[in-house]
Structure formats: structure tokens, C-alpha cells
């Protein structure tokens, strides 16, 4: 039975080395921000820059490792039924909603949900990096470099399966950004095995 992350919320938990984490989109077109920290030293954290550099592409998928800021593999992608995820954009936040959407009373976004979920593990907001945005569909214009957020390609039941390569603290969200989720908020499911 999978765990459910309610729309516009987040969770954090421990994942032991060798355990597998399956992130599932139960209804389709819903993004989940994923963060990973070394459970023994939370200063070691998932790194977009190092991963994209070492893998030499921006679309991480089955067979790819996800590296830390110390160039060590934190996770490996074992299965991926979608093949399109984002590792460029930062978690949405109050500032995202204020700057991009013009909200006068903005939601705290994935950043706020991640900060709240990670607080019991001694992780403070300034330690939150760029997340691996599972199911997020960001297009890159090859000539101008312009980024465009489009509806996720995930359909009901699509998933990504990760294997932990060290003991981790993992945080996941059901993303709060309208544009990222095709203007609808839905839950995310996950399983640990």
C-alpha cells in the first residue's frame, strides 16, 4: 500500500542504503520535488550541477545516477515510465508565486513544505538545493536557451524507481505550482521497499 502526499504538501523520511523508493503519479500530470541528504552528514546533498555535468545531459532517466555536492552517487534511477523530469528549476516558493504569478498573498510552495518536513532532521531552509523535479516537463529552446514549463507527460500510474546508494534523508512534495501541474493540484504516492 503506497503512502500518499496530499496536494500542495510534503514529507521527509529516512531511506537506508540499498532500499528502493518508487515515486508514483496516481492521477497524472503532477510534479513531485525530490531532495536527498546524506543521513550521516546533511551537508552532503543532491546536486543538480554535478549530476548534469557528469551525466552530460539535462534529462535524467533510467540508468542514470544522481550525484551529491561531493561527487558521490546518492541515488540510481532503476525504472522510469515517463523519461522527462527537470533538474534545473528551484523548488517553488512564496517568492515564485509573488514574482511569476503576481500573488499578493502567496502560498509557501514546495520550498516551504520541504523546509517544514526537513526541520526535524536538523536541515534548515538555506540548505535546500535545486530539487530533482520528478515528472516536471521543462522545455529548452536550443537557440535562445529560454525555459518553458509545459504540462507533465506523466499519466495515471506512471512512476520512477530509485535505489539509495547511501543512507539518506529524503524529502518529497506534491508540487504547489500551477504551471508545473497543468493548473491542477493532485496527490503523489510513494513506496519504500
Protein backbone atom coordinates (compact mmCIF):
# COMPACT_ATOMS: atom_id res chain seq x y z
CA UNK A 1 0.00 0.00 0.00
CA UNK A 2 1.61 3.30 -1.04
CA UNK A 3 1.90 6.36 1.17
CA UNK A 4 0.06 9.46 -0.05
CA UNK A 5 1.33 13.04 -0.09
CA UNK A 6 -1.66 15.38 -0.10
CA UNK A 7 -1.81 18.10 -2.77
CA UNK A 8 0.47 21.08 -2.04
CA UNK A 9 2.25 19.36 0.87
CA UNK A 10 5.47 17.47 1.58
CA UNK A 11 7.09 14.76 3.70
CA UNK A 12 10.57 13.65 4.74
CA UNK A 13 11.84 10.24 5.83
CA UNK A 14 14.93 8.07 6.09
CA UNK A 15 15.90 5.75 3.26
CA UNK A 16 18.59 3.16 4.02
CA UNK A 17 21.36 2.26 1.58
CA UNK A 18 20.01 -0.37 -0.81
CA UNK A 19 16.36 0.48 -0.23
CA UNK A 20 14.25 1.47 -3.19
CA UNK A 21 11.89 4.42 -3.45
CA UNK A 22 9.09 4.42 -6.01
CA UNK A 23 7.53 7.85 -6.71
CA UNK A 24 4.12 7.42 -8.34
CA UNK A 25 1.82 9.88 -10.07
CA UNK A 26 -1.58 8.31 -9.25
CA UNK A 27 -3.74 10.66 -11.35
CA UNK A 28 -1.34 12.07 -13.94
CA UNK A 29 0.23 15.47 -14.61
CA UNK A 30 1.50 16.04 -11.04
CA UNK A 31 5.08 17.01 -10.19
CA UNK A 32 6.98 15.86 -7.10
CA UNK A 33 10.10 17.67 -5.87
CA UNK A 34 12.69 15.20 -4.54
CA UNK A 35 15.61 16.08 -2.27
CA UNK A 36 18.21 13.75 -0.75
CA UNK A 37 20.72 14.38 2.04
CA UNK A 38 23.39 12.09 3.45
CA UNK A 39 21.78 10.86 6.69
CA UNK A 40 25.18 10.86 8.45
CA UNK A 41 26.17 14.36 7.33
CA UNK A 42 23.35 16.52 5.95
CA UNK A 43 25.86 18.96 4.47
CA UNK A 44 26.16 16.40 1.66
CA UNK A 45 23.16 16.96 -0.58
CA UNK A 46 21.76 16.15 -4.01
CA UNK A 47 23.46 18.24 -6.70
CA UNK A 48 21.91 19.31 -9.96
CA UNK A 49 25.16 20.81 -11.22
CA UNK A 50 27.33 17.79 -10.56
CA UNK A 51 24.74 15.33 -11.87
CA UNK A 52 24.12 17.20 -15.12
CA UNK A 53 27.86 17.69 -15.58
CA UNK A 54 28.76 14.02 -15.06
CA UNK A 55 25.79 12.55 -16.95
CA UNK A 56 26.25 15.15 -19.74
CA UNK A 57 22.56 15.82 -20.38
CA UNK A 58 19.69 17.66 -18.71
CA UNK A 59 17.08 14.89 -18.85
CA UNK A 60 17.89 12.29 -16.18
CA UNK A 61 16.21 8.91 -16.68
CA UNK A 62 16.57 5.13 -16.24
CA UNK A 63 20.16 4.04 -15.78
CA UNK A 64 21.38 7.44 -14.59
CA UNK A 65 23.00 8.20 -11.22
CA UNK A 66 22.16 11.27 -9.16
CA UNK A 67 25.25 12.75 -7.54
CA UNK A 68 25.87 14.75 -4.38
CA UNK A 69 27.74 18.02 -3.99
CA UNK A 70 30.71 15.79 -3.02
CA UNK A 71 30.57 13.89 -6.34
CA UNK A 72 29.29 10.69 -4.76
CA UNK A 73 26.29 8.77 -6.08
CA UNK A 74 23.28 9.20 -3.80
CA UNK A 75 20.60 7.56 -5.93
CA UNK A 76 20.36 5.49 -9.08
CA UNK A 77 17.32 5.59 -11.36
CA UNK A 78 16.24 1.96 -11.88
CA UNK A 79 12.92 2.47 -13.68
CA UNK A 80 11.28 5.44 -15.37
CA UNK A 81 7.97 5.18 -17.23
CA UNK A 82 7.96 8.85 -18.29
CA UNK A 83 11.52 9.84 -19.22
CA UNK A 84 11.02 13.60 -18.77
CA UNK A 85 11.90 15.27 -15.48
CA UNK A 86 13.51 18.57 -14.53
CA UNK A 87 16.77 19.17 -12.66
CA UNK A 88 17.17 22.88 -13.49
CA UNK A 89 14.46 24.79 -11.60
CA UNK A 90 14.43 25.52 -7.89
CA UNK A 91 11.50 24.47 -5.64
CA UNK A 92 8.58 26.89 -5.93
CA UNK A 93 8.30 29.31 -3.01
CA UNK A 94 6.47 32.38 -1.76
CA UNK A 95 8.82 34.38 -3.99
CA UNK A 96 7.99 32.20 -7.00
CA UNK A 97 4.29 32.92 -6.58
CA UNK A 98 4.93 36.62 -5.95
CA UNK A 99 7.36 37.13 -8.86
CA UNK A 100 5.97 34.76 -11.52
CA UNK A 101 2.26 34.69 -10.68
CA UNK A 102 1.84 38.11 -9.04
CA UNK A 103 0.16 36.67 -5.93
CA UNK A 104 -0.40 39.23 -3.19
CA UNK A 105 -0.75 36.52 -0.52
CA UNK A 106 1.45 33.73 -1.90
CA UNK A 107 1.44 30.07 -0.88
CA UNK A 108 4.68 28.92 0.78
CA UNK A 109 5.16 26.43 -2.07
CA UNK A 110 7.34 23.35 -2.23
CA UNK A 111 10.21 25.23 -0.62
CA UNK A 112 8.10 25.85 2.49
CA UNK A 113 6.81 22.28 2.51
CA UNK A 114 10.36 20.91 2.17
CA UNK A 115 11.67 23.21 4.93
CA UNK A 116 8.91 22.12 7.32
CA UNK A 117 9.36 18.41 6.55
CA UNK A 118 13.17 18.58 6.89
CA UNK A 119 13.27 20.61 10.12
CA UNK A 120 13.13 17.51 12.40
CA UNK A 121 16.31 16.26 10.68
CA UNK A 122 18.22 19.45 11.53
CA UNK A 123 18.10 20.73 7.95
CA UNK A 124 17.49 24.47 7.66
CA UNK A 125 16.00 26.34 4.67
CA UNK A 126 19.37 27.65 3.46
CA UNK A 127 20.47 24.03 2.93
CA UNK A 128 17.69 23.32 0.40
CA UNK A 129 19.18 22.99 -3.10
CA UNK A 130 17.66 22.60 -6.56
CA UNK A 131 15.36 19.57 -6.36
CA UNK A 132 15.05 16.71 -8.80
CA UNK A 133 11.57 17.59 -10.07
CA UNK A 134 10.02 14.22 -10.83
CA UNK A 135 7.54 14.38 -13.76
CA UNK A 136 8.18 18.10 -14.40
CA UNK A 137 8.29 18.91 -18.10
CA UNK A 138 10.63 21.82 -18.84
CA UNK A 139 11.47 22.54 -22.48
CA UNK A 140 14.63 24.31 -23.53
CA UNK A 141 14.82 26.41 -26.68
CA UNK A 142 18.05 25.34 -28.39
CA UNK A 143 18.73 28.77 -29.89
CA UNK A 144 17.80 31.19 -27.12
CA UNK A 145 18.10 28.95 -24.04
CA UNK A 146 14.60 30.03 -22.98
CA UNK A 147 12.97 27.67 -20.47
CA UNK A 148 9.29 26.83 -20.84
CA UNK A 149 7.30 24.85 -18.27
CA UNK A 150 4.77 22.61 -20.01
CA UNK A 151 2.25 20.08 -18.65
CA UNK A 152 3.86 16.92 -17.25
CA UNK A 153 3.92 13.94 -19.60
CA UNK A 154 3.04 11.58 -16.73
CA UNK A 155 -0.23 9.69 -16.82
CA UNK A 156 -2.06 7.91 -14.01
CA UNK A 157 0.17 5.21 -12.55
CA UNK A 158 3.45 6.40 -14.07
CA UNK A 159 6.44 6.08 -11.75
CA UNK A 160 10.16 6.45 -11.20
CA UNK A 161 12.06 3.89 -9.11
CA UNK A 162 15.23 4.97 -7.29
CA UNK A 163 17.77 2.94 -5.29
CA UNK A 164 19.59 4.60 -2.39
CA UNK A 165 23.37 4.30 -2.66
CA UNK A 166 23.95 5.63 0.87
CA UNK A 167 21.80 6.16 3.96
CA UNK A 168 19.64 9.17 3.13
CA UNK A 169 17.12 11.64 4.41
CA UNK A 170 14.69 12.11 1.52
CA UNK A 171 12.05 14.79 1.13
CA UNK A 172 9.19 14.67 -1.41
CA UNK A 173 6.37 17.02 -2.29
CA UNK A 174 3.17 17.10 -4.25
CA UNK A 175 4.13 20.30 -6.06
CA UNK A 176 2.28 23.54 -5.41
CA UNK A 177 2.99 25.45 -8.65
CA UNK A 178 0.03 25.84 -11.02
CA UNK A 179 2.05 25.97 -14.23
CA UNK A 180 4.11 22.88 -13.33
CA UNK A 181 0.99 20.72 -12.82
CA UNK A 182 -1.17 21.86 -15.75
CA UNK A 183 -3.16 24.14 -13.41
CA UNK A 184 -4.43 21.40 -11.09
CA UNK A 185 -3.20 20.08 -7.74
CA UNK A 186 -3.22 16.34 -7.08
CA UNK A 187 -1.55 13.91 -4.66
CA UNK A 188 1.67 11.98 -5.10
CA UNK A 189 2.14 8.40 -3.93
CA UNK A 190 5.37 6.73 -2.87
CA UNK A 191 6.51 3.28 -1.78
CA UNK A 192 9.65 2.18 0.06
CA UNK A 193 10.91 -1.35 -0.46
